[in-house]
């Protein structure tokens, strides 16, 4: 019989796999300079972070989403600066994901 702990382990495993998958997609999109799809993936990641209880990931995903929105709508902005910020935020998301994975492995 499965216990609540078993269920929690399954959810943790699925959420970590999902986070890694989305971050790999975003990496590919950065290389392709596909801001529209980075925006979309960040939006999904923001919601998933809330669903799984990864609040920090949701916050940083929102920041990425907002930067992408600026890049898509305001052509007078310093585009390079905003793209650099998107890349920095993606690195932060990767670090947070690793942090959650390590925490889950210890429990």
N, C-alpha and C. Protein backbone atom coordinates (compact mmCIF):
# COMPACT_ATOMS: atom_id res chain seq x y z
N UNK A 1 0.84 -1.18 0.00
CA UNK A 1 0.00 0.00 0.00
C UNK A 1 0.89 1.25 0.00
N UNK A 2 0.55 2.18 -0.86
CA UNK A 2 1.31 3.43 -0.96
C UNK A 2 0.94 4.35 0.20
N UNK A 3 1.95 5.04 0.71
CA UNK A 3 1.73 5.98 1.80
C UNK A 3 1.82 7.40 1.28
N UNK A 4 1.51 8.34 2.14
CA UNK A 4 1.65 9.75 1.77
C UNK A 4 3.09 10.08 1.41
N UNK A 5 4.04 9.45 2.11
CA UNK A 5 5.46 9.69 1.80
C UNK A 5 5.81 9.18 0.41
N UNK A 6 5.26 8.03 0.04
CA UNK A 6 5.49 7.48 -1.30
C UNK A 6 4.94 8.45 -2.35
N UNK A 7 3.75 8.94 -2.09
CA UNK A 7 3.13 9.89 -3.02
C UNK A 7 3.96 11.16 -3.12
N UNK A 8 4.44 11.64 -1.99
CA UNK A 8 5.27 12.85 -1.97
C UNK A 8 6.54 12.63 -2.78
N UNK A 9 7.15 11.46 -2.68
CA UNK A 9 8.37 11.17 -3.44
C UNK A 9 8.09 11.16 -4.94
N UNK A 10 6.95 10.61 -5.33
CA UNK A 10 6.59 10.59 -6.75
C UNK A 10 6.40 12.01 -7.26
N UNK A 11 5.69 12.84 -6.50
CA UNK A 11 5.45 14.23 -6.90
C UNK A 11 6.77 14.98 -6.99
N UNK A 12 7.67 14.78 -6.02
CA UNK A 12 8.98 15.44 -6.05
C UNK A 12 9.78 15.03 -7.29
N UNK A 13 9.76 13.75 -7.58
CA UNK A 13 10.49 13.26 -8.75
C UNK A 13 9.93 13.84 -10.04
N UNK A 14 8.62 13.84 -10.17
CA UNK A 14 7.99 14.40 -11.37
C UNK A 14 8.28 15.89 -11.50
N UNK A 15 8.20 16.61 -10.39
CA UNK A 15 8.42 18.06 -10.44
C UNK A 15 9.87 18.38 -10.81
N UNK A 16 10.82 17.63 -10.28
CA UNK A 16 12.23 17.87 -10.60
C UNK A 16 12.50 17.57 -12.07
N UNK A 17 11.94 16.46 -12.55
CA UNK A 17 12.11 16.12 -13.97
C UNK A 17 11.51 17.20 -14.85
N UNK A 18 10.35 17.70 -14.45
CA UNK A 18 9.69 18.76 -15.22
C UNK A 18 10.55 20.02 -15.24
N UNK A 19 11.05 20.41 -14.09
CA UNK A 19 11.88 21.62 -14.01
C UNK A 19 13.10 21.49 -14.91
N UNK A 20 13.77 20.36 -14.85
CA UNK A 20 14.95 20.16 -15.69
C UNK A 20 14.59 20.20 -17.17
N UNK A 21 13.47 19.59 -17.53
CA UNK A 21 13.03 19.57 -18.93
C UNK A 21 12.76 20.98 -19.43
N UNK A 22 12.04 21.77 -18.65
CA UNK A 22 11.72 23.14 -19.07
C UNK A 22 12.98 23.99 -19.19
N UNK A 23 13.91 23.84 -18.26
CA UNK A 23 15.15 24.61 -18.32
C UNK A 23 15.97 24.24 -19.55
N UNK A 24 15.95 22.98 -19.95
CA UNK A 24 16.64 22.58 -21.18
C UNK A 24 15.99 23.21 -22.40
N UNK A 25 14.67 23.26 -22.39
CA UNK A 25 13.94 23.91 -23.49
C UNK A 25 14.31 25.39 -23.56
N UNK A 26 14.34 26.05 -22.40
CA UNK A 26 14.67 27.48 -22.36
C UNK A 26 16.10 27.71 -22.84
N UNK A 27 17.03 26.84 -22.46
CA UNK A 27 18.41 26.96 -22.95
C UNK A 27 18.44 26.94 -24.48
N UNK A 28 17.72 26.01 -25.05
CA UNK A 28 17.65 25.89 -26.52
C UNK A 28 17.06 27.17 -27.12
N UNK A 29 16.01 27.68 -26.50
CA UNK A 29 15.36 28.88 -27.01
C UNK A 29 16.27 30.10 -26.93
N UNK A 30 17.09 30.15 -25.90
CA UNK A 30 18.05 31.26 -25.77
C UNK A 30 19.03 31.21 -26.94
N UNK A 31 19.53 30.02 -27.23
CA UNK A 31 20.47 29.87 -28.36
C UNK A 31 19.81 30.26 -29.68
N UNK A 32 18.50 30.02 -29.78
CA UNK A 32 17.76 30.37 -31.00
C UNK A 32 17.28 31.82 -30.98
N UNK A 33 17.51 32.50 -29.87
CA UNK A 33 17.07 33.89 -29.70
C UNK A 33 15.55 34.01 -29.83
N UNK A 34 14.84 33.03 -29.29
CA UNK A 34 13.39 32.95 -29.42
C UNK A 34 12.73 33.50 -28.16
N UNK A 35 12.63 34.81 -28.09
CA UNK A 35 12.12 35.49 -26.89
C UNK A 35 10.65 35.14 -26.64
N UNK A 36 9.85 35.05 -27.70
CA UNK A 36 8.43 34.74 -27.54
C UNK A 36 8.23 33.41 -26.80
N UNK A 37 8.97 32.39 -27.20
CA UNK A 37 8.81 31.09 -26.57
C UNK A 37 9.47 31.01 -25.19
N UNK A 38 10.52 31.81 -24.97
CA UNK A 38 11.10 31.90 -23.62
C UNK A 38 10.04 32.49 -22.69
N UNK A 39 9.35 33.51 -23.19
CA UNK A 39 8.26 34.12 -22.43
C UNK A 39 7.21 33.06 -22.07
N UNK A 40 6.80 32.27 -23.06
CA UNK A 40 5.77 31.25 -22.84
C UNK A 40 6.22 30.19 -21.84
N UNK A 41 7.45 29.71 -22.00
CA UNK A 41 7.96 28.69 -21.08
C UNK A 41 8.12 29.24 -19.67
N UNK A 42 8.54 30.49 -19.56
CA UNK A 42 8.68 31.11 -18.24
C UNK A 42 7.32 31.23 -17.56
N UNK A 43 6.32 31.55 -18.35
CA UNK A 43 4.95 31.67 -17.82
C UNK A 43 4.49 30.30 -17.27
N UNK A 44 4.75 29.25 -18.03
CA UNK A 44 4.38 27.90 -17.57
C UNK A 44 5.15 27.53 -16.31
N UNK A 45 6.44 27.85 -16.31
CA UNK A 45 7.28 27.52 -15.16
C UNK A 45 6.83 28.28 -13.91
N UNK A 46 6.40 29.51 -14.10
CA UNK A 46 5.89 30.30 -12.98
C UNK A 46 4.70 29.60 -12.33
N UNK A 47 3.76 29.15 -13.15
CA UNK A 47 2.59 28.46 -12.63
C UNK A 47 2.93 27.12 -12.01
N UNK A 48 3.82 26.40 -12.63
CA UNK A 48 4.23 25.09 -12.09
C UNK A 48 4.95 25.26 -10.76
N UNK A 49 5.76 26.30 -10.66
CA UNK A 49 6.45 26.56 -9.40
C UNK A 49 5.46 26.77 -8.27
N UNK A 50 4.40 27.50 -8.56
CA UNK A 50 3.36 27.71 -7.54
C UNK A 50 2.66 26.40 -7.21
N UNK A 51 2.37 25.61 -8.23
CA UNK A 51 1.67 24.34 -8.02
C UNK A 51 2.48 23.40 -7.14
N UNK A 52 3.79 23.30 -7.40
CA UNK A 52 4.65 22.39 -6.66
C UNK A 52 5.20 22.98 -5.38
N UNK A 53 4.93 24.25 -5.12
CA UNK A 53 5.43 24.89 -3.91
C UNK A 53 6.84 25.42 -4.02
N UNK A 54 7.31 25.64 -5.26
CA UNK A 54 8.64 26.20 -5.48
C UNK A 54 8.50 27.71 -5.66
N UNK A 55 8.29 28.39 -4.56
CA UNK A 55 7.99 29.82 -4.60
C UNK A 55 9.10 30.64 -5.25
N UNK A 56 10.36 30.33 -4.91
CA UNK A 56 11.47 31.10 -5.48
C UNK A 56 11.52 30.95 -7.00
N UNK A 57 11.25 29.74 -7.48
CA UNK A 57 11.25 29.51 -8.92
C UNK A 57 10.13 30.30 -9.58
N UNK A 58 8.98 30.38 -8.94
CA UNK A 58 7.87 31.18 -9.48
C UNK A 58 8.24 32.65 -9.57
N UNK A 59 8.90 33.15 -8.54
CA UNK A 59 9.28 34.58 -8.52
C UNK A 59 10.27 34.89 -9.63
N UNK A 60 11.31 34.07 -9.77
CA UNK A 60 12.31 34.31 -10.80
C UNK A 60 11.71 34.10 -12.19
N UNK A 61 10.83 33.13 -12.33
CA UNK A 61 10.16 32.90 -13.62
C UNK A 61 9.33 34.11 -14.02
N UNK A 62 8.67 34.72 -13.05
CA UNK A 62 7.91 35.94 -13.32
C UNK A 62 8.84 37.05 -13.80
N UNK A 63 10.01 37.16 -13.18
CA UNK A 63 10.98 38.18 -13.60
C UNK A 63 11.43 37.95 -15.04
N UNK A 64 11.68 36.68 -15.39
CA UNK A 64 12.06 36.35 -16.77
C UNK A 64 10.92 36.69 -17.71
N UNK A 65 9.73 36.32 -17.33
CA UNK A 65 8.54 36.60 -18.14
C UNK A 65 8.41 38.11 -18.40
N UNK A 66 8.58 38.91 -17.37
CA UNK A 66 8.45 40.36 -17.52
C UNK A 66 9.55 40.95 -18.40
N UNK A 67 10.77 40.45 -18.26
CA UNK A 67 11.87 40.92 -19.12
C UNK A 67 11.59 40.56 -20.59
N UNK A 68 11.11 39.36 -20.82
CA UNK A 68 10.78 38.95 -22.19
C UNK A 68 9.67 39.81 -22.76
N UNK A 69 8.69 40.11 -21.93
CA UNK A 69 7.58 40.96 -22.37
C UNK A 69 8.10 42.33 -22.81
N UNK A 70 9.05 42.87 -22.05
CA UNK A 70 9.66 44.15 -22.42
C UNK A 70 10.38 44.03 -23.75
N UNK A 71 11.11 42.94 -23.92
CA UNK A 71 11.85 42.74 -25.17
C UNK A 71 10.90 42.63 -26.35
N UNK A 72 9.74 42.03 -26.13
CA UNK A 72 8.78 41.83 -27.22
C UNK A 72 7.97 43.08 -27.55
N UNK A 73 7.80 43.95 -26.57
CA UNK A 73 6.90 45.09 -26.79
C UNK A 73 7.60 46.44 -26.94
N UNK A 74 8.74 46.61 -26.30
CA UNK A 74 9.37 47.93 -26.29
C UNK A 74 10.69 47.89 -27.07
N UNK A 75 10.63 48.30 -28.30
CA UNK A 75 11.81 48.24 -29.16
C UNK A 75 12.84 49.32 -28.82
N UNK A 76 12.49 50.29 -27.98
CA UNK A 76 13.44 51.35 -27.63
C UNK A 76 14.31 50.97 -26.44
N UNK A 77 13.94 49.90 -25.74
CA UNK A 77 14.73 49.47 -24.58
C UNK A 77 16.11 49.01 -25.03
N UNK A 78 16.99 48.96 -24.09
CA UNK A 78 18.33 48.42 -24.35
C UNK A 78 18.19 46.89 -24.45
N UNK A 79 18.04 46.42 -25.68
CA UNK A 79 17.75 45.00 -25.92
C UNK A 79 18.85 44.10 -25.37
N UNK A 80 20.09 44.44 -25.60
CA UNK A 80 21.18 43.59 -25.12
C UNK A 80 21.16 43.48 -23.59
N UNK A 81 20.91 44.59 -22.92
CA UNK A 81 20.87 44.58 -21.46
C UNK A 81 19.76 43.64 -20.97
N UNK A 82 18.58 43.73 -21.58
CA UNK A 82 17.48 42.87 -21.16
C UNK A 82 17.74 41.40 -21.47
N UNK A 83 18.35 41.13 -22.62
CA UNK A 83 18.68 39.74 -22.95
C UNK A 83 19.69 39.19 -21.96
N UNK A 84 20.66 40.01 -21.60
CA UNK A 84 21.65 39.60 -20.60
C UNK A 84 20.98 39.30 -19.26
N UNK A 85 19.99 40.12 -18.91
CA UNK A 85 19.25 39.90 -17.66
C UNK A 85 18.46 38.60 -17.73
N UNK A 86 17.86 38.31 -18.87
CA UNK A 86 17.12 37.05 -19.04
C UNK A 86 18.08 35.88 -18.81
N UNK A 87 19.25 35.94 -19.39
CA UNK A 87 20.23 34.85 -19.24
C UNK A 87 20.65 34.71 -17.78
N UNK A 88 20.86 35.82 -17.09
CA UNK A 88 21.22 35.76 -15.66
C UNK A 88 20.10 35.13 -14.84
N UNK A 89 18.86 35.49 -15.15
CA UNK A 89 17.73 34.94 -14.41
C UNK A 89 17.58 33.44 -14.69
N UNK A 90 17.84 33.02 -15.92
CA UNK A 90 17.77 31.60 -16.26
C UNK A 90 18.83 30.83 -15.46
N UNK A 91 20.02 31.41 -15.33
CA UNK A 91 21.07 30.78 -14.52
C UNK A 91 20.61 30.65 -13.07
N UNK A 92 19.92 31.68 -12.58
CA UNK A 92 19.40 31.64 -11.22
C UNK A 92 18.36 30.53 -11.08
N UNK A 93 17.51 30.37 -12.11
CA UNK A 93 16.52 29.29 -12.09
C UNK A 93 17.21 27.92 -12.04
N UNK A 94 18.28 27.78 -12.79
CA UNK A 94 19.02 26.51 -12.77
C UNK A 94 19.57 26.24 -11.38
N UNK A 95 20.13 27.26 -10.76
CA UNK A 95 20.68 27.10 -9.41
C UNK A 95 19.57 26.73 -8.41
N UNK A 96 18.43 27.38 -8.53
CA UNK A 96 17.31 27.06 -7.63
C UNK A 96 16.83 25.63 -7.84
N UNK A 97 16.79 25.22 -9.09
CA UNK A 97 16.37 23.85 -9.39
C UNK A 97 17.32 22.85 -8.76
N UNK A 98 18.61 23.10 -8.91
CA UNK A 98 19.61 22.22 -8.29
C UNK A 98 19.44 22.19 -6.77
N UNK A 99 19.13 23.35 -6.21
CA UNK A 99 18.92 23.45 -4.76
C UNK A 99 17.74 22.57 -4.35
N UNK A 100 16.63 22.66 -5.09
CA UNK A 100 15.47 21.84 -4.77
C UNK A 100 15.76 20.35 -4.95
N UNK A 101 16.52 20.00 -5.96
CA UNK A 101 16.86 18.61 -6.18
C UNK A 101 17.71 18.07 -5.03
N UNK A 102 18.67 18.87 -4.58
CA UNK A 102 19.52 18.45 -3.45
C UNK A 102 18.70 18.31 -2.18
N UNK A 103 17.79 19.22 -1.94
CA UNK A 103 16.94 19.16 -0.74
C UNK A 103 16.08 17.90 -0.79
N UNK A 104 15.51 17.63 -1.97
CA UNK A 104 14.67 16.43 -2.12
C UNK A 104 15.45 15.15 -1.94
N UNK A 105 16.69 15.13 -2.36
CA UNK A 105 17.52 13.93 -2.24
C UNK A 105 17.85 13.64 -0.78
N UNK A 106 17.90 14.67 0.05
CA UNK A 106 18.23 14.51 1.46
C UNK A 106 17.04 14.02 2.26
N UNK A 107 15.81 14.29 1.77
CA UNK A 107 14.63 13.92 2.57
C UNK A 107 14.20 12.49 2.35
